Amino acid sequence: MLIARGKPVLGAVRMIGVAAQTYDHWRSEYGSLKLARSSAWSVAGRAKA
């Protein structure tokens, strides 16, 4: 939501308490997922909770 309001990605990441290095690692790991795969991953994550 912050990004949709024009906040730069790294600024939004910092505002929610995530380090830039953590964001970069996450993005390199999961940033290239296709929508279908990321949706399935999201559903699997909710099932564990």
PDB file of N, CA and C in Angstrom:
ATOM      1  N   MET A   1       0.817  -1.178   0.000  1.00  0.00           N
ATOM      2  CA  MET A   1       0.000   0.000   0.000  1.00  0.00           C
ATOM      3  C   MET A   1       0.872   1.257   0.000  1.00  0.00           C
ATOM      4  N   LEU A   2       1.984   1.200   0.717  1.00  0.00           N
ATOM      5  CA  LEU A   2       2.870   2.355   0.736  1.00  0.00           C
ATOM      6  C   LEU A   2       3.445   2.633  -0.646  1.00  0.00           C
ATOM      7  N   ILE A   3       3.780   1.569  -1.350  1.00  0.00           N
ATOM      8  CA  ILE A   3       4.352   1.719  -2.687  1.00  0.00           C
ATOM      9  C   ILE A   3       3.300   2.290  -3.637  1.00  0.00           C
ATOM     10  N   ALA A   4       2.060   1.849  -3.495  1.00  0.00           N
ATOM     11  CA  ALA A   4       0.982   2.363  -4.338  1.00  0.00           C
ATOM     12  C   ALA A   4       0.776   3.858  -4.111  1.00  0.00           C
ATOM     13  N   ARG A   5       1.114   4.326  -2.929  1.00  0.00           N
ATOM     14  CA  ARG A   5       0.987   5.763  -2.619  1.00  0.00           C
ATOM     15  C   ARG A   5       2.205   6.562  -3.064  1.00  0.00           C
ATOM     16  N   GLY A   6       3.163   5.889  -3.718  1.00  0.00           N
ATOM     17  CA  GLY A   6       4.317   6.596  -4.244  1.00  0.00           C
ATOM     18  C   GLY A   6       5.568   6.500  -3.403  1.00  0.00           C
ATOM     19  N   LYS A   7       5.512   5.748  -2.321  1.00  0.00           N
ATOM     20  CA  LYS A   7       6.686   5.577  -1.465  1.00  0.00           C
ATOM     21  C   LYS A   7       7.682   4.665  -2.181  1.00  0.00           C
ATOM     22  N   PRO A   8       8.967   5.016  -2.200  1.00  0.00           N
ATOM     23  CA  PRO A   8       9.957   4.122  -2.801  1.00  0.00           C
ATOM     24  C   PRO A   8       9.987   2.774  -2.073  1.00  0.00           C
ATOM     25  N   VAL A   9      10.307   1.722  -2.792  1.00  0.00           N
ATOM     26  CA  VAL A   9      10.282   0.373  -2.217  1.00  0.00           C
ATOM     27  C   VAL A   9      11.155   0.289  -0.965  1.00  0.00           C
ATOM     28  N   LEU A  10      12.393   0.753  -1.044  1.00  0.00           N
ATOM     29  CA  LEU A  10      13.271   0.644   0.125  1.00  0.00           C
ATOM     30  C   LEU A  10      12.757   1.467   1.303  1.00  0.00           C
ATOM     31  N   GLY A  11      12.121   2.588   1.029  1.00  0.00           N
ATOM     32  CA  GLY A  11      11.522   3.371   2.105  1.00  0.00           C
ATOM     33  C   GLY A  11      10.383   2.621   2.770  1.00  0.00           C
ATOM     34  N   ALA A  12       9.553   1.967   1.967  1.00  0.00           N
ATOM     35  CA  ALA A  12       8.442   1.182   2.510  1.00  0.00           C
ATOM     36  C   ALA A  12       8.953  -0.005   3.300  1.00  0.00           C
ATOM     37  N   VAL A  13       9.996  -0.643   2.791  1.00  0.00           N
ATOM     38  CA  VAL A  13      10.594  -1.791   3.490  1.00  0.00           C
ATOM     39  C   VAL A  13      11.118  -1.361   4.853  1.00  0.00           C
ATOM     40  N   ARG A  14      11.802  -0.238   4.898  1.00  0.00           N
ATOM     41  CA  ARG A  14      12.328   0.264   6.172  1.00  0.00           C
ATOM     42  C   ARG A  14      11.205   0.618   7.143  1.00  0.00           C
ATOM     43  N   MET A  15      10.118   1.191   6.619  1.00  0.00           N
ATOM     44  CA  MET A  15       9.004   1.584   7.486  1.00  0.00           C
ATOM     45  C   MET A  15       8.362   0.392   8.185  1.00  0.00           C
ATOM     46  N   ILE A  16       8.372  -0.778   7.551  1.00  0.00           N
ATOM     47  CA  ILE A  16       7.770  -1.953   8.197  1.00  0.00           C
ATOM     48  C   ILE A  16       8.790  -2.742   9.004  1.00  0.00           C
ATOM     49  N   GLY A  17      10.017  -2.227   9.090  1.00  0.00           N
ATOM     50  CA  GLY A  17      11.016  -2.834   9.963  1.00  0.00           C
ATOM     51  C   GLY A  17      11.836  -3.950   9.339  1.00  0.00           C
ATOM     52  N   VAL A  18      11.916  -3.984   8.018  1.00  0.00           N
ATOM     53  CA  VAL A  18      12.705  -5.002   7.332  1.00  0.00           C
ATOM     54  C   VAL A  18      13.984  -4.352   6.825  1.00  0.00           C
ATOM     55  N   ALA A  19      15.105  -5.006   7.060  1.00  0.00           N
ATOM     56  CA  ALA A  19      16.386  -4.481   6.589  1.00  0.00           C
ATOM     57  C   ALA A  19      16.469  -4.583   5.067  1.00  0.00           C
ATOM     58  N   ALA A  20      17.182  -3.665   4.455  1.00  0.00           N
ATOM     59  CA  ALA A  20      17.352  -3.665   3.002  1.00  0.00           C
ATOM     60  C   ALA A  20      17.990  -4.968   2.537  1.00  0.00           C
ATOM     61  N   GLN A  21      18.939  -5.498   3.292  1.00  0.00           N
ATOM     62  CA  GLN A  21      19.585  -6.760   2.923  1.00  0.00           C
ATOM     63  C   GLN A  21      18.583  -7.908   2.920  1.00  0.00           C
ATOM     64  N   THR A  22      17.681  -7.919   3.895  1.00  0.00           N
ATOM     65  CA  THR A  22      16.662  -8.964   3.963  1.00  0.00           C
ATOM     66  C   THR A  22      15.741  -8.869   2.760  1.00  0.00           C
ATOM     67  N   TYR A  23      15.337  -7.654   2.418  1.00  0.00           N
ATOM     68  CA  TYR A  23      14.485  -7.460   1.246  1.00  0.00           C
ATOM     69  C   TYR A  23      15.195  -7.924  -0.017  1.00  0.00           C
ATOM     70  N   ASP A  24      16.451  -7.550  -0.182  1.00  0.00           N
ATOM     71  CA  ASP A  24      17.208  -7.961  -1.366  1.00  0.00           C
ATOM     72  C   ASP A  24      17.312  -9.479  -1.454  1.00  0.00           C
ATOM     73  N   HIS A  25      17.547 -10.130  -0.322  1.00  0.00           N
ATOM     74  CA  HIS A  25      17.621 -11.602  -0.302  1.00  0.00           C
ATOM     75  C   HIS A  25      16.276 -12.201  -0.688  1.00  0.00           C
ATOM     76  N   TRP A  26      15.200 -11.708  -0.100  1.00  0.00           N
ATOM     77  CA  TRP A  26      13.862 -12.211  -0.420  1.00  0.00           C
ATOM     78  C   TRP A  26      13.567 -12.023  -1.902  1.00  0.00           C
ATOM     79  N   ARG A  27      13.893 -10.841  -2.415  1.00  0.00           N
ATOM     80  CA  ARG A  27      13.593 -10.558  -3.820  1.00  0.00           C
ATOM     81  C   ARG A  27      14.387 -11.458  -4.758  1.00  0.00           C
ATOM     82  N   SER A  28      15.653 -11.714  -4.420  1.00  0.00           N
ATOM     83  CA  SER A  28      16.442 -12.597  -5.281  1.00  0.00           C
ATOM     84  C   SER A  28      15.908 -14.025  -5.220  1.00  0.00           C
ATOM     85  N   GLU A  29      15.363 -14.413  -4.085  1.00  0.00           N
ATOM     86  CA  GLU A  29      14.829 -15.765  -3.914  1.00  0.00           C
ATOM     87  C   GLU A  29      13.441 -15.928  -4.530  1.00  0.00           C
ATOM     88  N   TYR A  30      12.539 -14.986  -4.265  1.00  0.00           N
ATOM     89  CA  TYR A  30      11.131 -15.144  -4.632  1.00  0.00           C
ATOM     90  C   TYR A  30      10.609 -14.115  -5.632  1.00  0.00           C
ATOM     91  N   GLY A  31      11.392 -13.117  -5.958  1.00  0.00           N
ATOM     92  CA  GLY A  31      10.932 -12.028  -6.808  1.00  0.00           C
ATOM     93  C   GLY A  31      10.564 -12.427  -8.218  1.00  0.00           C
ATOM     94  N   SER A  32      11.113 -13.541  -8.686  1.00  0.00           N
ATOM     95  CA  SER A  32      10.833 -13.934 -10.066  1.00  0.00           C
ATOM     96  C   SER A  32       9.743 -15.000 -10.173  1.00  0.00           C
ATOM     97  N   LEU A  33       9.062 -15.280  -9.079  1.00  0.00           N
ATOM     98  CA  LEU A  33       7.994 -16.275  -9.127  1.00  0.00           C
ATOM     99  C   LEU A  33       6.848 -15.797 -10.007  1.00  0.00           C
ATOM    100  N   LYS A  34       6.271 -16.696 -10.719  1.00  0.00           N
ATOM    101  CA  LYS A  34       5.081 -16.375 -11.496  1.00  0.00           C
ATOM    102  C   LYS A  34       3.905 -16.270 -10.533  1.00  0.00           C
ATOM    103  N   LEU A  35       2.861 -15.577 -10.919  1.00  0.00           N
ATOM    104  CA  LEU A  35       1.715 -15.344 -10.054  1.00  0.00           C
ATOM    105  C   LEU A  35       1.106 -16.651  -9.558  1.00  0.00           C
ATOM    106  N   ALA A  36       0.934 -17.629 -10.425  1.00  0.00           N
ATOM    107  CA  ALA A  36       0.315 -18.891 -10.026  1.00  0.00           C
ATOM    108  C   ALA A  36       1.148 -19.583  -8.951  1.00  0.00           C
ATOM    109  N   ARG A  37       2.459 -19.592  -9.122  1.00  0.00           N
ATOM    110  CA  ARG A  37       3.312 -20.256  -8.143  1.00  0.00           C
ATOM    111  C   ARG A  37       3.325 -19.496  -6.822  1.00  0.00           C
ATOM    112  N   SER A  38       3.388 -18.179  -6.870  1.00  0.00           N
ATOM    113  CA  SER A  38       3.407 -17.402  -5.640  1.00  0.00           C
ATOM    114  C   SER A  38       2.071 -17.526  -4.914  1.00  0.00           C
ATOM    115  N   SER A  39       0.971 -17.624  -5.648  1.00  0.00           N
ATOM    116  CA  SER A  39      -0.334 -17.802  -5.014  1.00  0.00           C
ATOM    117  C   SER A  39      -0.409 -19.152  -4.317  1.00  0.00           C
ATOM    118  N   ALA A  40       0.097 -20.192  -4.957  1.00  0.00           N
ATOM    119  CA  ALA A  40       0.109 -21.516  -4.340  1.00  0.00           C
ATOM    120  C   ALA A  40       0.988 -21.509  -3.106  1.00  0.00           C
ATOM    121  N   TRP A  41       2.118 -20.807  -3.177  1.00  0.00           N
ATOM    122  CA  TRP A  41       3.018 -20.726  -2.027  1.00  0.00           C
ATOM    123  C   TRP A  41       2.335 -19.990  -0.880  1.00  0.00           C
ATOM    124  N   SER A  42       1.596 -18.939  -1.198  1.00  0.00           N
ATOM    125  CA  SER A  42       0.881 -18.169  -0.194  1.00  0.00           C
ATOM    126  C   SER A  42      -0.186 -19.021   0.492  1.00  0.00           C
ATOM    127  N   VAL A  43      -0.927 -19.798  -0.271  1.00  0.00           N
ATOM    128  CA  VAL A  43      -1.950 -20.667   0.278  1.00  0.00           C
ATOM    129  C   VAL A  43      -1.326 -21.725   1.171  1.00  0.00           C
ATOM    130  N   ALA A  44      -0.194 -22.282   0.755  1.00  0.00           N
ATOM    131  CA  ALA A  44       0.503 -23.286   1.567  1.00  0.00           C
ATOM    132  C   ALA A  44       0.966 -22.683   2.871  1.00  0.00           C
ATOM    133  N   GLY A  45       1.430 -21.439   2.824  1.00  0.00           N
ATOM    134  CA  GLY A  45       1.866 -20.751   4.045  1.00  0.00           C
ATOM    135  C   GLY A  45       0.729 -20.514   5.013  1.00  0.00           C
ATOM    136  N   ARG A  46      -0.453 -20.221   4.497  1.00  0.00           N
ATOM    137  CA  ARG A  46      -1.617 -20.002   5.368  1.00  0.00           C
ATOM    138  C   ARG A  46      -2.078 -21.318   5.985  1.00  0.00           C
ATOM    139  N   ALA A  47      -1.902 -22.406   5.285  1.00  0.00           N
ATOM    140  CA  ALA A  47      -2.332 -23.712   5.793  1.00  0.00           C
ATOM    141  C   ALA A  47      -1.505 -24.120   7.015  1.00  0.00           C
ATOM    142  N   LYS A  48      -0.239 -23.690   7.054  1.00  0.00           N
ATOM    143  CA  LYS A  48       0.643 -24.015   8.184  1.00  0.00           C
ATOM    144  C   LYS A  48       0.257 -23.253   9.433  1.00  0.00           C
ATOM    145  N   ALA A  49      -0.299 -22.062   9.267  1.00  0.00           N
ATOM    146  CA  ALA A  49      -0.588 -21.195  10.411  1.00  0.00           C
ATOM    147  C   ALA A  49      -1.733 -21.689  11.242  1.00  0.00           C
TER     148      ALA A  49
END
